[in-house]
Amino acid sequence: MKWIRKTLKGISLTAAMFVFQACYGTWEDYYDAPIEFRVLSYETGQPLQGIEVWFQSLNGDSSSVGHPNLQCYTDENGTARSWVVYGLHRFSFVDKDSAFQTFDTIVKIQDKVTVDVLLKKAE
């Protein structure tokens, strides 16, 4: 009796996984890509710490479309790292002290990406 119950559970789980894959595709369709930013001062070339990196998906299929989300902050080396889904994204770099101008850029993510960003002093 126990082996029949275990067999039926296994078949049910396999069927559920098959239906999920048929409806939504494999997990490979949803892989994320690492992205790294190096944020430097335009005038001095020194790394900028504490810069906010805001993220907005432009793929049309994400809940963040039209709603920018705070992604991360730069560290003492001016580096910020995050993970995003493949596709087109807008990134904004904001200095909360307003010493530097806000900078926006659009990046197409297809694989690991490293982006160098130079921020100018606010006037």
Protein backbone atom coordinates (compact mmCIF):
# COMPACT_ATOMS: atom_id res chain seq x y z
CA MET A 1 0.00 0.00 0.00
CA LYS A 2 2.80 2.46 0.88
CA TRP A 3 4.58 1.91 -2.43
CA ILE A 4 1.37 2.69 -4.34
CA ARG A 5 0.98 5.96 -2.43
CA LYS A 6 4.63 6.91 -3.06
CA THR A 7 4.31 6.05 -6.74
CA LEU A 8 1.17 8.17 -7.11
CA LYS A 9 2.86 11.10 -5.33
CA GLY A 10 5.83 10.85 -7.69
CA ILE A 11 3.61 10.74 -10.76
CA SER A 12 1.58 13.72 -9.49
CA LEU A 13 4.70 15.79 -8.86
CA THR A 14 6.13 14.91 -12.27
CA ALA A 15 2.85 15.84 -13.96
CA ALA A 16 2.71 19.18 -12.10
CA MET A 17 6.30 20.01 -13.13
CA PHE A 18 5.53 19.09 -16.75
CA VAL A 19 2.47 21.37 -16.82
CA PHE A 20 4.43 24.24 -15.24
CA GLN A 21 7.21 23.93 -17.83
CA ALA A 22 4.69 23.69 -20.69
CA CYS A 23 2.92 26.86 -19.53
CA TYR A 24 5.82 29.02 -18.35
CA GLY A 25 8.93 27.65 -20.06
CA THR A 26 12.11 26.44 -18.45
CA TRP A 27 14.04 28.34 -15.78
CA GLU A 28 16.62 29.25 -18.44
CA ASP A 29 14.14 31.82 -19.75
CA TYR A 30 14.34 33.75 -16.48
CA TYR A 31 18.06 33.81 -15.72
CA ASP A 32 19.45 36.98 -14.26
CA ALA A 33 22.65 38.67 -15.33
CA PRO A 34 25.17 40.33 -13.03
CA ILE A 35 25.84 44.01 -13.64
CA GLU A 36 28.60 46.12 -12.12
CA PHE A 37 29.02 49.89 -12.13
CA ARG A 38 32.17 51.90 -11.47
CA VAL A 39 31.16 55.44 -10.54
CA LEU A 40 33.89 58.08 -10.67
CA SER A 41 34.08 61.86 -10.42
CA TYR A 42 34.34 63.45 -13.89
CA GLU A 43 36.68 66.17 -12.62
CA THR A 44 39.08 64.14 -10.46
CA GLY A 45 38.64 60.51 -11.51
CA GLN A 46 38.21 59.52 -7.86
CA PRO A 47 35.66 56.83 -6.91
CA LEU A 48 32.37 58.11 -5.47
CA GLN A 49 30.90 56.36 -2.45
CA GLY A 50 27.21 56.34 -1.50
CA ILE A 51 25.77 57.03 -4.95
CA GLU A 52 22.27 55.54 -5.27
CA VAL A 53 21.69 53.33 -8.30
CA TRP A 54 18.04 53.31 -9.41
CA PHE A 55 16.73 50.73 -11.85
CA GLN A 56 13.75 50.67 -14.22
CA SER A 57 12.90 47.83 -16.61
CA LEU A 58 12.03 48.80 -20.17
CA ASN A 59 11.09 45.25 -21.22
CA GLY A 60 7.33 45.79 -20.97
CA ASP A 61 6.79 42.55 -19.04
CA SER A 62 8.05 43.50 -15.60
CA SER A 63 6.20 44.92 -12.62
CA SER A 64 8.90 47.58 -12.36
CA VAL A 65 8.05 49.16 -15.74
CA GLY A 66 7.30 52.79 -15.00
CA HIS A 67 8.29 52.34 -11.35
CA PRO A 68 12.00 52.91 -10.66
CA ASN A 69 13.40 50.83 -7.80
CA LEU A 70 16.45 51.51 -5.65
CA GLN A 71 18.91 48.82 -6.65
CA CYS A 72 22.08 49.45 -4.63
CA TYR A 73 24.69 51.96 -3.42
CA THR A 74 28.30 52.40 -4.48
CA ASP A 75 30.97 51.28 -2.01
CA GLU A 76 34.22 53.03 -1.05
CA ASN A 77 35.74 51.99 -4.40
CA GLY A 78 32.85 53.54 -6.33
CA THR A 79 31.60 50.07 -7.26
CA ALA A 80 28.00 48.90 -7.20
CA ARG A 81 26.89 45.36 -8.08
CA SER A 82 23.47 43.95 -8.74
CA TRP A 83 21.51 41.33 -10.70
CA VAL A 84 18.86 42.09 -13.33
CA VAL A 85 16.90 40.07 -15.86
CA TYR A 86 18.05 40.09 -19.45
CA GLY A 87 16.73 42.94 -21.58
CA LEU A 88 16.65 46.71 -21.74
CA HIS A 89 16.94 48.74 -18.51
CA ARG A 90 17.35 52.35 -17.46
CA PHE A 91 19.75 53.10 -14.61
CA SER A 92 19.88 56.39 -12.74
CA PHE A 93 22.77 57.47 -10.55
CA VAL A 94 21.71 59.88 -7.83
CA ASP A 95 23.87 61.67 -5.27
CA LYS A 96 21.63 62.14 -2.24
CA ASP A 97 23.70 65.20 -1.19
CA SER A 98 23.21 66.81 -4.64
CA ALA A 99 26.93 67.49 -5.01
CA PHE A 100 26.86 65.71 -8.38
CA GLN A 101 24.41 65.85 -11.28
CA THR A 102 21.99 62.94 -11.67
CA PHE A 103 22.96 60.71 -14.59
CA ASP A 104 20.68 58.34 -16.53
CA THR A 105 21.74 55.64 -18.97
CA ILE A 106 20.05 52.79 -20.81
CA VAL A 107 21.81 49.42 -20.87
CA LYS A 108 20.87 46.28 -22.79
CA ILE A 109 21.70 43.28 -20.61
CA GLN A 110 22.63 40.10 -22.48
CA ASP A 111 25.43 38.83 -20.29
CA LYS A 112 27.62 40.10 -17.45
CA VAL A 113 28.05 43.84 -17.94
CA THR A 114 30.45 46.37 -16.44
CA VAL A 115 29.55 50.03 -16.93
CA ASP A 116 31.83 52.97 -16.16
CA VAL A 117 29.95 56.10 -15.07
CA LEU A 118 31.43 59.60 -14.71
CA LEU A 119 29.42 62.09 -12.65
CA LYS A 120 29.92 65.84 -13.03
CA LYS A 121 29.78 68.27 -10.13
CA ALA A 122 26.45 70.07 -9.73
CA GLU A 123 26.49 73.73 -10.70
